Amino acid sequence: VQLVESGGGLVQAGGSLRLSCVASGISRSINVMGWYRQAPGNERELVATVTSGGPANYADSVKARFAISRDNAKNTVYLQMNSLKPEDTAVYYCYIRPGWPFRDYWGQGTQVTVSS
């Protein structure tokens, strides 16, 4: 299983970015897909997750600004990030939990930098 992220970069405060993550090497439906982030000196934290056919779950710090979505046919998860703030600067990691008997998988991370 391989996760490939794209869409990170440098943006000014108030701007938008859209992250994408494609999961390959897995032919079954994926239970949970999502995004975590880690800023320098901080622990990795949840940004948003979405279950197959279910509701999304967001960190309080990104509610109303970020939107997670998925395309099950393409095994792809997206994160639309609007009204970005400097405190959103972090490495963003794609995450999937296919469910038993598979383990959880992580992407390599994509850098998001928001300048003030």
PDB file of N, CA and C in Angstrom:
ATOM      1  N   VAL A   1       0.851  -1.191   0.000  1.00  0.00           N
ATOM      2  CA  VAL A   1       0.000   0.000   0.000  1.00  0.00           C
ATOM      3  C   VAL A   1       0.885   1.239   0.000  1.00  0.00           C
ATOM      4  N   GLN A   2       0.536   2.175  -0.835  1.00  0.00           N
ATOM      5  CA  GLN A   2       1.309   3.416  -0.935  1.00  0.00           C
ATOM      6  C   GLN A   2       0.351   4.593  -0.963  1.00  0.00           C
ATOM      7  N   LEU A   3       0.707   5.631  -0.200  1.00  0.00           N
ATOM      8  CA  LEU A   3      -0.064   6.870  -0.183  1.00  0.00           C
ATOM      9  C   LEU A   3       0.791   7.970  -0.787  1.00  0.00           C
ATOM     10  N   VAL A   4       0.243   8.671  -1.753  1.00  0.00           N
ATOM     11  CA  VAL A   4       0.976   9.751  -2.409  1.00  0.00           C
ATOM     12  C   VAL A   4       0.177  11.036  -2.247  1.00  0.00           C
ATOM     13  N   GLU A   5       0.788  11.993  -1.555  1.00  0.00           N
ATOM     14  CA  GLU A   5       0.142  13.279  -1.286  1.00  0.00           C
ATOM     15  C   GLU A   5       0.615  14.328  -2.283  1.00  0.00           C
ATOM     16  N   SER A   6      -0.214  15.308  -2.502  1.00  0.00           N
ATOM     17  CA  SER A   6       0.155  16.441  -3.351  1.00  0.00           C
ATOM     18  C   SER A   6      -0.667  17.645  -2.924  1.00  0.00           C
ATOM     19  N   GLY A   7      -0.209  18.825  -3.347  1.00  0.00           N
ATOM     20  CA  GLY A   7      -0.985  20.035  -3.133  1.00  0.00           C
ATOM     21  C   GLY A   7      -0.454  20.978  -2.085  1.00  0.00           C
ATOM     22  N   GLY A   8       0.582  20.591  -1.364  1.00  0.00           N
ATOM     23  CA  GLY A   8       1.138  21.501  -0.377  1.00  0.00           C
ATOM     24  C   GLY A   8       1.885  22.642  -1.035  1.00  0.00           C
ATOM     25  N   GLY A   9       2.302  23.601  -0.210  1.00  0.00           N
ATOM     26  CA  GLY A   9       3.052  24.727  -0.738  1.00  0.00           C
ATOM     27  C   GLY A   9       3.028  25.908   0.187  1.00  0.00           C
ATOM     28  N   LEU A  10       3.392  27.050  -0.370  1.00  0.00           N
ATOM     29  CA  LEU A  10       3.464  28.302   0.378  1.00  0.00           C
ATOM     30  C   LEU A  10       2.294  29.188  -0.034  1.00  0.00           C
ATOM     31  N   VAL A  11       1.593  29.735   0.953  1.00  0.00           N
ATOM     32  CA  VAL A  11       0.454  30.587   0.667  1.00  0.00           C
ATOM     33  C   VAL A  11       0.394  31.700   1.711  1.00  0.00           C
ATOM     34  N   GLN A  12      -0.161  32.818   1.340  1.00  0.00           N
ATOM     35  CA  GLN A  12      -0.319  33.917   2.291  1.00  0.00           C
ATOM     36  C   GLN A  12      -1.525  33.658   3.191  1.00  0.00           C
ATOM     37  N   ALA A  13      -1.502  34.250   4.351  1.00  0.00           N
ATOM     38  CA  ALA A  13      -2.620  34.139   5.273  1.00  0.00           C
ATOM     39  C   ALA A  13      -3.902  34.586   4.574  1.00  0.00           C
ATOM     40  N   GLY A  14      -4.964  33.826   4.806  1.00  0.00           N
ATOM     41  CA  GLY A  14      -6.234  34.103   4.158  1.00  0.00           C
ATOM     42  C   GLY A  14      -6.428  33.346   2.852  1.00  0.00           C
ATOM     43  N   GLY A  15      -5.370  32.732   2.373  1.00  0.00           N
ATOM     44  CA  GLY A  15      -5.437  31.996   1.127  1.00  0.00           C
ATOM     45  C   GLY A  15      -5.963  30.585   1.288  1.00  0.00           C
ATOM     46  N   SER A  16      -5.925  29.854   0.182  1.00  0.00           N
ATOM     47  CA  SER A  16      -6.463  28.490   0.158  1.00  0.00           C
ATOM     48  C   SER A  16      -5.472  27.530  -0.493  1.00  0.00           C
ATOM     49  N   LEU A  17      -5.561  26.288  -0.065  1.00  0.00           N
ATOM     50  CA  LEU A  17      -4.833  25.190  -0.688  1.00  0.00           C
ATOM     51  C   LEU A  17      -5.727  23.959  -0.677  1.00  0.00           C
ATOM     52  N   ARG A  18      -5.476  23.062  -1.620  1.00  0.00           N
ATOM     53  CA  ARG A  18      -6.201  21.796  -1.649  1.00  0.00           C
ATOM     54  C   ARG A  18      -5.197  20.660  -1.693  1.00  0.00           C
ATOM     55  N   LEU A  19      -5.252  19.808  -0.683  1.00  0.00           N
ATOM     56  CA  LEU A  19      -4.393  18.643  -0.623  1.00  0.00           C
ATOM     57  C   LEU A  19      -5.122  17.423  -1.189  1.00  0.00           C
ATOM     58  N   SER A  20      -4.355  16.557  -1.833  1.00  0.00           N
ATOM     59  CA  SER A  20      -4.906  15.302  -2.353  1.00  0.00           C
ATOM     60  C   SER A  20      -4.021  14.156  -1.894  1.00  0.00           C
ATOM     61  N   CYS A  21      -4.623  13.002  -1.740  1.00  0.00           N
ATOM     62  CA  CYS A  21      -3.870  11.805  -1.361  1.00  0.00           C
ATOM     63  C   CYS A  21      -4.503  10.609  -2.060  1.00  0.00           C
ATOM     64  N   VAL A  22      -3.685   9.918  -2.836  1.00  0.00           N
ATOM     65  CA  VAL A  22      -4.148   8.732  -3.556  1.00  0.00           C
ATOM     66  C   VAL A  22      -3.551   7.499  -2.896  1.00  0.00           C
ATOM     67  N   ALA A  23      -4.409   6.556  -2.566  1.00  0.00           N
ATOM     68  CA  ALA A  23      -3.969   5.283  -1.989  1.00  0.00           C
ATOM     69  C   ALA A  23      -3.954   4.227  -3.079  1.00  0.00           C
ATOM     70  N   SER A  24      -2.802   3.604  -3.251  1.00  0.00           N
ATOM     71  CA  SER A  24      -2.676   2.545  -4.254  1.00  0.00           C
ATOM     72  C   SER A  24      -2.233   1.253  -3.588  1.00  0.00           C
ATOM     73  N   GLY A  25      -2.435   0.162  -4.289  1.00  0.00           N
ATOM     74  CA  GLY A  25      -2.017  -1.129  -3.758  1.00  0.00           C
ATOM     75  C   GLY A  25      -3.022  -1.766  -2.823  1.00  0.00           C
ATOM     76  N   ILE A  26      -4.232  -1.234  -2.812  1.00  0.00           N
ATOM     77  CA  ILE A  26      -5.280  -1.799  -1.976  1.00  0.00           C
ATOM     78  C   ILE A  26      -6.553  -1.871  -2.791  1.00  0.00           C
ATOM     79  N   SER A  27      -7.177  -3.028  -2.801  1.00  0.00           N
ATOM     80  CA  SER A  27      -8.312  -3.245  -3.685  1.00  0.00           C
ATOM     81  C   SER A  27      -9.633  -3.360  -2.933  1.00  0.00           C
ATOM     82  N   ARG A  28      -9.602  -3.113  -1.635  1.00  0.00           N
ATOM     83  CA  ARG A  28     -10.838  -3.162  -0.879  1.00  0.00           C
ATOM     84  C   ARG A  28     -11.231  -1.753  -0.465  1.00  0.00           C
ATOM     85  N   SER A  29     -12.433  -1.602   0.019  1.00  0.00           N
ATOM     86  CA  SER A  29     -12.855  -0.273   0.479  1.00  0.00           C
ATOM     87  C   SER A  29     -12.071   0.105   1.731  1.00  0.00           C
ATOM     88  N   ILE A  30     -11.841   1.365   1.887  1.00  0.00           N
ATOM     89  CA  ILE A  30     -11.067   1.892   3.011  1.00  0.00           C
ATOM     90  C   ILE A  30     -12.030   2.480   4.029  1.00  0.00           C
ATOM     91  N   ASN A  31     -11.948   2.015   5.256  1.00  0.00           N
ATOM     92  CA  ASN A  31     -12.883   2.436   6.283  1.00  0.00           C
ATOM     93  C   ASN A  31     -12.722   3.924   6.602  1.00  0.00           C
ATOM     94  N   VAL A  32     -11.535   4.321   6.960  1.00  0.00           N
ATOM     95  CA  VAL A  32     -11.293   5.707   7.381  1.00  0.00           C
ATOM     96  C   VAL A  32     -10.167   6.301   6.541  1.00  0.00           C
ATOM     97  N   MET A  33     -10.360   7.506   6.085  1.00  0.00           N
ATOM     98  CA  MET A  33      -9.313   8.280   5.405  1.00  0.00           C
ATOM     99  C   MET A  33      -9.246   9.633   6.077  1.00  0.00           C
ATOM    100  N   GLY A  34      -8.054  10.198   6.123  1.00  0.00           N
ATOM    101  CA  GLY A  34      -7.978  11.486   6.801  1.00  0.00           C
ATOM    102  C   GLY A  34      -6.639  12.157   6.692  1.00  0.00           C
ATOM    103  N   TRP A  35      -6.528  13.233   7.456  1.00  0.00           N
ATOM    104  CA  TRP A  35      -5.317  14.050   7.477  1.00  0.00           C
ATOM    105  C   TRP A  35      -4.937  14.384   8.907  1.00  0.00           C
ATOM    106  N   TYR A  36      -3.651  14.311   9.159  1.00  0.00           N
ATOM    107  CA  TYR A  36      -3.049  14.775  10.396  1.00  0.00           C
ATOM    108  C   TYR A  36      -1.982  15.799  10.023  1.00  0.00           C
ATOM    109  N   ARG A  37      -1.522  16.537  11.015  1.00  0.00           N
ATOM    110  CA  ARG A  37      -0.449  17.488  10.761  1.00  0.00           C
ATOM    111  C   ARG A  37       0.495  17.551  11.952  1.00  0.00           C
ATOM    112  N   GLN A  38       1.718  17.981  11.665  1.00  0.00           N
ATOM    113  CA  GLN A  38       2.726  18.119  12.715  1.00  0.00           C
ATOM    114  C   GLN A  38       3.549  19.353  12.439  1.00  0.00           C
ATOM    115  N   ALA A  39       3.503  20.276  13.383  1.00  0.00           N
ATOM    116  CA  ALA A  39       4.321  21.485  13.322  1.00  0.00           C
ATOM    117  C   ALA A  39       5.605  21.241  14.093  1.00  0.00           C
ATOM    118  N   PRO A  40       6.666  21.990  13.791  1.00  0.00           N
ATOM    119  CA  PRO A  40       7.939  21.794  14.498  1.00  0.00           C
ATOM    120  C   PRO A  40       7.776  21.926  16.011  1.00  0.00           C
ATOM    121  N   GLY A  41       8.281  20.939  16.730  1.00  0.00           N
ATOM    122  CA  GLY A  41       8.206  20.967  18.181  1.00  0.00           C
ATOM    123  C   GLY A  41       6.892  20.487  18.755  1.00  0.00           C
ATOM    124  N   ASN A  42       5.956  20.152  17.890  1.00  0.00           N
ATOM    125  CA  ASN A  42       4.637  19.701  18.344  1.00  0.00           C
ATOM    126  C   ASN A  42       4.422  18.244  18.003  1.00  0.00           C
ATOM    127  N   GLU A  43       3.461  17.643  18.669  1.00  0.00           N
ATOM    128  CA  GLU A  43       3.069  16.277  18.337  1.00  0.00           C
ATOM    129  C   GLU A  43       2.157  16.289  17.105  1.00  0.00           C
ATOM    130  N   ARG A  44       2.089  15.149  16.464  1.00  0.00           N
ATOM    131  CA  ARG A  44       1.176  15.013  15.334  1.00  0.00           C
ATOM    132  C   ARG A  44      -0.254  15.084  15.860  1.00  0.00           C
ATOM    133  N   GLU A  45      -1.098  15.849  15.161  1.00  0.00           N
ATOM    134  CA  GLU A  45      -2.463  16.040  15.618  1.00  0.00           C
ATOM    135  C   GLU A  45      -3.459  15.799  14.494  1.00  0.00           C
ATOM    136  N   LEU A  46      -4.644  15.412  14.888  1.00  0.00           N
ATOM    137  CA  LEU A  46      -5.729  15.194  13.937  1.00  0.00           C
ATOM    138  C   LEU A  46      -6.147  16.507  13.302  1.00  0.00           C
ATOM    139  N   VAL A  47      -6.357  16.479  11.986  1.00  0.00           N
ATOM    140  CA  VAL A  47      -6.970  17.599  11.286  1.00  0.00           C
ATOM    141  C   VAL A  47      -8.407  17.241  10.939  1.00  0.00           C
ATOM    142  N   ALA A  48      -8.573  16.160  10.188  1.00  0.00           N
ATOM    143  CA  ALA A  48      -9.913  15.731   9.802  1.00  0.00           C
ATOM    144  C   ALA A  48      -9.869  14.287   9.337  1.00  0.00           C
ATOM    145  N   THR A  49     -10.957  13.572   9.579  1.00  0.00           N
ATOM    146  CA  THR A  49     -11.116  12.218   9.061  1.00  0.00           C
ATOM    147  C   THR A  49     -12.525  12.055   8.523  1.00  0.00           C
ATOM    148  N   VAL A  50     -12.683  11.079   7.650  1.00  0.00           N
ATOM    149  CA  VAL A  50     -13.997  10.780   7.102  1.00  0.00           C
ATOM    150  C   VAL A  50     -14.090   9.273   6.869  1.00  0.00           C
ATOM    151  N   THR A  51     -15.201   8.696   7.304  1.00  0.00           N
ATOM    152  CA  THR A  51     -15.414   7.272   7.104  1.00  0.00           C
ATOM    153  C   THR A  51     -16.124   7.033   5.771  1.00  0.00           C
ATOM    154  N   SER A  52     -16.063   5.802   5.326  1.00  0.00           N
ATOM    155  CA  SER A  52     -16.696   5.459   4.065  1.00  0.00           C
ATOM    156  C   SER A  52     -18.200   5.632   4.190  1.00  0.00           C
ATOM    157  N   GLY A  53     -18.742   6.621   3.516  1.00  0.00           N
ATOM    158  CA  GLY A  53     -20.175   6.858   3.569  1.00  0.00           C
ATOM    159  C   GLY A  53     -20.664   7.517   4.830  1.00  0.00           C
ATOM    160  N   GLY A  54     -19.738   7.939   5.680  1.00  0.00           N
ATOM    161  CA  GLY A  54     -20.146   8.515   6.950  1.00  0.00           C
ATOM    162  C   GLY A  54     -19.785   9.966   7.096  1.00  0.00           C
ATOM    163  N   PRO A  55     -20.077  10.533   8.272  1.00  0.00           N
ATOM    164  CA  PRO A  55     -19.792  11.951   8.487  1.00  0.00           C
ATOM    165  C   PRO A  55     -18.297  12.204   8.678  1.00  0.00           C
ATOM    166  N   ALA A  56     -17.929  13.470   8.540  1.00  0.00           N
ATOM    167  CA  ALA A  56     -16.545  13.866   8.749  1.00  0.00           C
ATOM    168  C   ALA A  56     -16.346  14.325  10.184  1.00  0.00           C
ATOM    169  N   ASN A  57     -15.099  14.253  10.619  1.00  0.00           N
ATOM    170  CA  ASN A  57     -14.727  14.681  11.953  1.00  0.00           C
ATOM    171  C   ASN A  57     -13.578  15.669  11.819  1.00  0.00           C
ATOM    172  N   TYR A  58     -13.697  16.825  12.493  1.00  0.00           N
ATOM    173  CA  TYR A  58     -12.701  17.882  12.360  1.00  0.00           C
ATOM    174  C   TYR A  58     -12.140  18.285  13.720  1.00  0.00           C
ATOM    175  N   ALA A  59     -10.886  18.711  13.688  1.00  0.00           N
ATOM    176  CA  ALA A  59     -10.336  19.380  14.857  1.00  0.00           C
ATOM    177  C   ALA A  59     -11.041  20.724  15.017  1.00  0.00           C
ATOM    178  N   ASP A  60     -11.238  21.149  16.252  1.00  0.00           N
ATOM    179  CA  ASP A  60     -11.927  22.415  16.494  1.00  0.00           C
ATOM    180  C   ASP A  60     -11.221  23.578  15.811  1.00  0.00           C
ATOM    181  N   SER A  61      -9.913  23.506  15.711  1.00  0.00           N
ATOM    182  CA  SER A  61      -9.141  24.630  15.171  1.00  0.00           C
ATOM    183  C   SER A  61      -9.357  24.831  13.671  1.00  0.00           C
ATOM    184  N   VAL A  62      -9.918  23.830  12.986  1.00  0.00           N
ATOM    185  CA  VAL A  62     -10.086  23.955  11.528  1.00  0.00           C
ATOM    186  C   VAL A  62     -11.541  23.914  11.089  1.00  0.00           C
ATOM    187  N   LYS A  63     -12.444  23.680  12.032  1.00  0.00           N
ATOM    188  CA  LYS A  63     -13.861  23.645  11.666  1.00  0.00           C
ATOM    189  C   LYS A  63     -14.256  24.943  10.988  1.00  0.00           C
ATOM    190  N   ALA A  64     -15.116  24.862   9.991  1.00  0.00           N
ATOM    191  CA  ALA A  64     -15.651  25.994   9.233  1.00  0.00           C
ATOM    192  C   ALA A  64     -14.629  26.576   8.260  1.00  0.00           C
ATOM    193  N   ARG A  65     -13.370  26.102   8.321  1.00  0.00           N
ATOM    194  CA  ARG A  65     -12.365  26.591   7.369  1.00  0.00           C
ATOM    195  C   ARG A  65     -11.897  25.487   6.423  1.00  0.00           C
ATOM    196  N   PHE A  66     -11.837  24.252   6.929  1.00  0.00           N
ATOM    197  CA  PHE A  66     -11.357  23.123   6.143  1.00  0.00           C
ATOM    198  C   PHE A  66     -12.528  22.196   5.810  1.00  0.00           C
ATOM    199  N   ALA A  67     -12.411  21.516   4.679  1.00  0.00           N
ATOM    200  CA  ALA A  67     -13.420  20.534   4.295  1.00  0.00           C
ATOM    201  C   ALA A  67     -12.730  19.298   3.744  1.00  0.00           C
ATOM    202  N   ILE A  68     -13.066  18.147   4.305  1.00  0.00           N
ATOM    203  CA  ILE A  68     -12.508  16.884   3.844  1.00  0.00           C
ATOM    204  C   ILE A  68     -13.539  16.185   2.980  1.00  0.00           C
ATOM    205  N   SER A  69     -13.052  15.523   1.938  1.00  0.00           N
ATOM    206  CA  SER A  69     -13.936  14.746   1.072  1.00  0.00           C
ATOM    207  C   SER A  69     -13.149  13.566   0.526  1.00  0.00           C
ATOM    208  N   ARG A  70     -13.866  12.606  -0.030  1.00  0.00           N
ATOM    209  CA  ARG A  70     -13.199  11.424  -0.563  1.00  0.00           C
ATOM    210  C   ARG A  70     -13.922  10.944  -1.804  1.00  0.00           C
ATOM    211  N   ASP A  71     -13.138  10.290  -2.665  1.00  0.00           N
ATOM    212  CA  ASP A  71     -13.672   9.642  -3.857  1.00  0.00           C
ATOM    213  C   ASP A  71     -13.348   8.165  -3.703  1.00  0.00           C
ATOM    214  N   ASN A  72     -14.319   7.394  -3.301  1.00  0.00           N
ATOM    215  CA  ASN A  72     -14.072   5.988  -3.005  1.00  0.00           C
ATOM    216  C   ASN A  72     -13.644   5.201  -4.241  1.00  0.00           C
ATOM    217  N   ALA A  73     -14.169   5.572  -5.388  1.00  0.00           N
ATOM    218  CA  ALA A  73     -13.809   4.863  -6.616  1.00  0.00           C
ATOM    219  C   ALA A  73     -12.335   5.046  -6.953  1.00  0.00           C
ATOM    220  N   LYS A  74     -11.774   6.172  -6.534  1.00  0.00           N
ATOM    221  CA  LYS A  74     -10.371   6.479  -6.828  1.00  0.00           C
ATOM    222  C   LYS A  74      -9.466   6.286  -5.617  1.00  0.00           C
ATOM    223  N   ASN A  75     -10.028   5.837  -4.497  1.00  0.00           N
ATOM    224  CA  ASN A  75      -9.233   5.707  -3.259  1.00  0.00           C
ATOM    225  C   ASN A  75      -8.457   6.997  -2.966  1.00  0.00           C
ATOM    226  N   THR A  76      -9.140   8.091  -3.087  1.00  0.00           N
ATOM    227  CA  THR A  76      -8.516   9.404  -2.926  1.00  0.00           C
ATOM    228  C   THR A  76      -9.256  10.206  -1.868  1.00  0.00           C
ATOM    229  N   VAL A  77      -8.472  10.905  -1.064  1.00  0.00           N
ATOM    230  CA  VAL A  77      -9.040  11.810  -0.062  1.00  0.00           C
ATOM    231  C   VAL A  77      -8.476  13.200  -0.307  1.00  0.00           C
ATOM    232  N   TYR A  78      -9.332  14.191  -0.099  1.00  0.00           N
ATOM    233  CA  TYR A  78      -8.973  15.586  -0.340  1.00  0.00           C
ATOM    234  C   TYR A  78      -9.138  16.398   0.945  1.00  0.00           C
ATOM    235  N   LEU A  79      -8.388  17.476   1.017  1.00  0.00           N
ATOM    236  CA  LEU A  79      -8.559  18.425   2.116  1.00  0.00           C
ATOM    237  C   LEU A  79      -8.529  19.825   1.516  1.00  0.00           C
ATOM    238  N   GLN A  80      -9.675  20.467   1.469  1.00  0.00           N
ATOM    239  CA  GLN A  80      -9.769  21.842   1.020  1.00  0.00           C
ATOM    240  C   GLN A  80      -9.552  22.747   2.227  1.00  0.00           C
ATOM    241  N   MET A  81      -8.526  23.567   2.163  1.00  0.00           N
ATOM    242  CA  MET A  81      -8.171  24.425   3.282  1.00  0.00           C
ATOM    243  C   MET A  81      -8.367  25.880   2.867  1.00  0.00           C
ATOM    244  N   ASN A  82      -9.286  26.557   3.524  1.00  0.00           N
ATOM    245  CA  ASN A  82      -9.587  27.957   3.248  1.00  0.00           C
ATOM    246  C   ASN A  82      -9.240  28.824   4.454  1.00  0.00           C
ATOM    247  N   SER A  83      -9.150  30.107   4.219  1.00  0.00           N
ATOM    248  CA  SER A  83      -8.861  31.069   5.293  1.00  0.00           C
ATOM    249  C   SER A  83      -7.666  30.607   6.125  1.00  0.00           C
ATOM    250  N   LEU A  84      -6.611  30.237   5.448  1.00  0.00           N
ATOM    251  CA  LEU A  84      -5.447  29.686   6.132  1.00  0.00           C
ATOM    252  C   LEU A  84      -4.797  30.723   7.033  1.00  0.00           C
ATOM    253  N   LYS A  85      -4.273  30.226   8.147  1.00  0.00           N
ATOM    254  CA  LYS A  85      -3.616  31.068   9.135  1.00  0.00           C
ATOM    255  C   LYS A  85      -2.168  30.607   9.301  1.00  0.00           C
ATOM    256  N   PRO A  86      -1.298  31.489   9.782  1.00  0.00           N
ATOM    257  CA  PRO A  86       0.101  31.061  10.001  1.00  0.00           C
ATOM    258  C   PRO A  86       0.200  29.846  10.916  1.00  0.00           C
ATOM    259  N   GLU A  87      -0.709  29.719  11.868  1.00  0.00           N
ATOM    260  CA  GLU A  87      -0.662  28.565  12.774  1.00  0.00           C
ATOM    261  C   GLU A  87      -1.069  27.255  12.107  1.00  0.00           C
ATOM    262  N   ASP A  88      -1.528  27.316  10.859  1.00  0.00           N
ATOM    263  CA  ASP A  88      -1.800  26.091  10.105  1.00  0.00           C
ATOM    264  C   ASP A  88      -0.519  25.531   9.473  1.00  0.00           C
ATOM    265  N   THR A  89       0.577  26.272   9.568  1.00  0.00           N
ATOM    266  CA  THR A  89       1.844  25.807   9.014  1.00  0.00           C
ATOM    267  C   THR A  89       2.279  24.508   9.681  1.00  0.00           C
ATOM    268  N   ALA A  90       2.521  23.486   8.860  1.00  0.00           N
ATOM    269  CA  ALA A  90       2.873  22.170   9.378  1.00  0.00           C
ATOM    270  C   ALA A  90       3.139  21.234   8.205  1.00  0.00           C
ATOM    271  N   VAL A  91       3.645  20.065   8.520  1.00  0.00           N
ATOM    272  CA  VAL A  91       3.678  18.976   7.553  1.00  0.00           C
ATOM    273  C   VAL A  91       2.356  18.224   7.696  1.00  0.00           C
ATOM    274  N   TYR A  92       1.666  18.052   6.596  1.00  0.00           N
ATOM    275  CA  TYR A  92       0.361  17.387   6.602  1.00  0.00           C
ATOM    276  C   TYR A  92       0.540  15.958   6.084  1.00  0.00           C
ATOM    277  N   TYR A  93       0.001  15.016   6.857  1.00  0.00           N
ATOM    278  CA  TYR A  93       0.146  13.601   6.552  1.00  0.00           C
ATOM    279  C   TYR A  93      -1.214  12.985   6.219  1.00  0.00           C
ATOM    280  N   CYS A  94      -1.231  12.275   5.140  1.00  0.00           N
ATOM    281  CA  CYS A  94      -2.411  11.485   4.772  1.00  0.00           C
ATOM    282  C   CYS A  94      -2.424  10.198   5.606  1.00  0.00           C
ATOM    283  N   TYR A  95      -3.605   9.743   5.934  1.00  0.00           N
ATOM    284  CA  TYR A  95      -3.762   8.570   6.809  1.00  0.00           C
ATOM    285  C   TYR A  95      -4.934   7.733   6.300  1.00  0.00           C
ATOM    286  N   ILE A  96      -4.744   6.409   6.297  1.00  0.00           N
ATOM    287  CA  ILE A  96      -5.878   5.540   6.000  1.00  0.00           C
ATOM    288  C   ILE A  96      -5.923   4.389   6.996  1.00  0.00           C
ATOM    289  N   ARG A  97      -7.126   3.988   7.314  1.00  0.00           N
ATOM    290  CA  ARG A  97      -7.365   2.806   8.138  1.00  0.00           C
ATOM    291  C   ARG A  97      -8.294   1.903   7.344  1.00  0.00           C
ATOM    292  N   PRO A  98      -7.714   0.962   6.600  1.00  0.00           N
ATOM    293  CA  PRO A  98      -8.575   0.097   5.782  1.00  0.00           C
ATOM    294  C   PRO A  98      -9.481  -0.806   6.611  1.00  0.00           C
ATOM    295  N   GLY A  99      -9.046  -1.151   7.806  1.00  0.00           N
ATOM    296  CA  GLY A  99      -9.775  -2.091   8.629  1.00  0.00           C
ATOM    297  C   GLY A  99      -9.100  -3.455   8.607  1.00  0.00           C
ATOM    298  N   TRP A 100      -9.494  -4.304   9.554  1.00  0.00           N
ATOM    299  CA  TRP A 100      -8.892  -5.648   9.662  1.00  0.00           C
ATOM    300  C   TRP A 100      -8.995  -6.395   8.343  1.00  0.00           C
ATOM    301  N   PRO A 101      -7.934  -7.118   7.917  1.00  0.00           N
ATOM    302  CA  PRO A 101      -6.692  -7.400   8.638  1.00  0.00           C
ATOM    303  C   PRO A 101      -5.554  -6.443   8.318  1.00  0.00           C
ATOM    304  N   PHE A 102      -5.872  -5.303   7.712  1.00  0.00           N
ATOM    305  CA  PHE A 102      -4.821  -4.362   7.339  1.00  0.00           C
ATOM    306  C   PHE A 102      -4.466  -3.468   8.531  1.00  0.00           C
ATOM    307  N   ARG A 103      -3.232  -3.017   8.536  1.00  0.00           N
ATOM    308  CA  ARG A 103      -2.784  -2.023   9.519  1.00  0.00           C
ATOM    309  C   ARG A 103      -3.121  -0.642   8.996  1.00  0.00           C
ATOM    310  N   ASP A 104      -2.854   0.386   9.807  1.00  0.00           N
ATOM    311  CA  ASP A 104      -2.989   1.764   9.365  1.00  0.00           C
ATOM    312  C   ASP A 104      -1.788   2.156   8.506  1.00  0.00           C
ATOM    313  N   TYR A 105      -2.019   3.107   7.593  1.00  0.00           N
ATOM    314  CA  TYR A 105      -0.947   3.559   6.713  1.00  0.00           C
ATOM    315  C   TYR A 105      -0.855   5.084   6.735  1.00  0.00           C
ATOM    316  N   TRP A 106       0.381   5.564   6.542  1.00  0.00           N
ATOM    317  CA  TRP A 106       0.652   7.004   6.520  1.00  0.00           C
ATOM    318  C   TRP A 106       1.362   7.391   5.236  1.00  0.00           C
ATOM    319  N   GLY A 107       1.082   8.607   4.748  1.00  0.00           N
ATOM    320  CA  GLY A 107       1.822   9.145   3.639  1.00  0.00           C
ATOM    321  C   GLY A 107       3.143   9.732   4.109  1.00  0.00           C
ATOM    322  N   GLN A 108       3.911  10.241   3.158  1.00  0.00           N
ATOM    323  CA  GLN A 108       5.244  10.766   3.491  1.00  0.00           C
ATOM    324  C   GLN A 108       5.186  12.196   4.006  1.00  0.00           C
ATOM    325  N   GLY A 109       4.055  12.836   3.839  1.00  0.00           N
ATOM    326  CA  GLY A 109       3.883  14.198   4.330  1.00  0.00           C
ATOM    327  C   GLY A 109       4.104  15.234   3.241  1.00  0.00           C
ATOM    328  N   THR A 110       3.350  16.308   3.326  1.00  0.00           N
ATOM    329  CA  THR A 110       3.513  17.433   2.408  1.00  0.00           C
ATOM    330  C   THR A 110       3.518  18.727   3.218  1.00  0.00           C
ATOM    331  N   GLN A 111       4.449  19.599   2.915  1.00  0.00           N
ATOM    332  CA  GLN A 111       4.626  20.818   3.702  1.00  0.00           C
ATOM    333  C   GLN A 111       3.605  21.877   3.290  1.00  0.00           C
ATOM    334  N   VAL A 112       2.968  22.453   4.275  1.00  0.00           N
ATOM    335  CA  VAL A 112       2.096  23.615   4.083  1.00  0.00           C
ATOM    336  C   VAL A 112       2.659  24.752   4.910  1.00  0.00           C
ATOM    337  N   THR A 113       2.959  25.860   4.267  1.00  0.00           N
ATOM    338  CA  THR A 113       3.509  27.027   4.940  1.00  0.00           C
ATOM    339  C   THR A 113       2.613  28.223   4.656  1.00  0.00           C
ATOM    340  N   VAL A 114       2.147  28.858   5.718  1.00  0.00           N
ATOM    341  CA  VAL A 114       1.275  30.025   5.600  1.00  0.00           C
ATOM    342  C   VAL A 114       2.029  31.226   6.133  1.00  0.00           C
ATOM    343  N   SER A 115       2.257  32.197   5.272  1.00  0.00           N
ATOM    344  CA  SER A 115       2.988  33.395   5.674  1.00  0.00           C
ATOM    345  C   SER A 115       2.020  34.476   6.146  1.00  0.00           C
ATOM    346  N   SER A 116       2.487  35.272   7.074  1.00  0.00           N
ATOM    347  CA  SER A 116       1.620  36.331   7.626  1.00  0.00           C
ATOM    348  C   SER A 116       1.749  37.628   6.837  1.00  0.00           C
TER     349      SER A 116
END
